């Protein structure tokens, strides 16, 4: 479980020190402020460690880590032919340094690489053991309609999709572990299936929506917003999500209407309550408000929370963070939504005023 990240000279960040709660963590900010980067960076390192842990019985070595970290970062970020493209350019410094700390002893590590680096990083502090639980990454796009044949094509051809898509498709195809009889899975799935109006089934490498009391239909015929919800249901159903230590989700609200966002917010907090750390990036004031209202209820009172606000500074992106969203720096994107609401109400009220 992620505890903190120290970064210097990475992509849009000149310098940043970030903390993470055990439960819900939300990155908010305008476009191009690095919200997705703060999901992909820890995901890449954690996924690499878990992958290697399944292959090796021995403790991690710096020699192995310096190539595997570089390979996974390249696969997840797609920086072109040079890893060094991820270095934040600034006068007098052409290096990037990253340190990730985890709550489990022996898993933390630190590494650096220069703007000239191609396929290796320099590991300054290596972990004494591999990550015990692999993370899950859900991109902005739904992947159920892409799933048939995608893994085979990705592994045999060069595709311009980052590696999180492949990793997630692998998890979507995992055979059922817990299933609908598991009480935690059942509790999380029931309201989501109610919104979908049916269950998600897999047959012969393809996904279908089976409406209650009707014949199944190909997932490609289902609206994209519902497919995103269906993707979450599938990962809960086959047990992979609840078996993981951390869920990274980029813009979970994308393509969802407000009613579905409400159910999604409840599901995310339910996942946190089940012991999974969630790190999400969002533009949505509606989603943030749903989180706030639900976290104020007794049902989710035990869920820890942390908010990270990103905004452009004089040289790169600056960070404001707190466990209470009220204490982070004002957010331009949220201010704009509130301003629009005020303008709309003002205009409506002026029309409604009776003539003198």
Foldseek 3Di string as FASTA:
>chain_A
DFAWKWKDQFAQDNTDIGGADLFAEEEEADPPQCQVVVLQLVQLQQQLLQVVQVVDPAWDDQVVCFQSSQVSSCQAVVLDQASLSRGHDDPPDFKMKMWTDDPDAQQTWIWMDGSRHGGGIGTPGHGRGGNPFREAEAELFFCQVVLQPPLVCVVPDPDPDGCNSNVLSVLLPQAADQACVPVLLVVLQVVLCVVVQAAWDDDPRHIWGQHVPHHIDGCVVPQRLNSLSNSVNSNSRRPSLLRGAEYEYEASCPRPDLVVLLSVLVSSLSSSVSRHYYYYYHLDPSNVVSNVVVCVDPVRVVGFYKYWYWDDDPRGIDIFMDSDPVPTDDHPSVVVVVVVVVVVVVVVVVVVDDDD
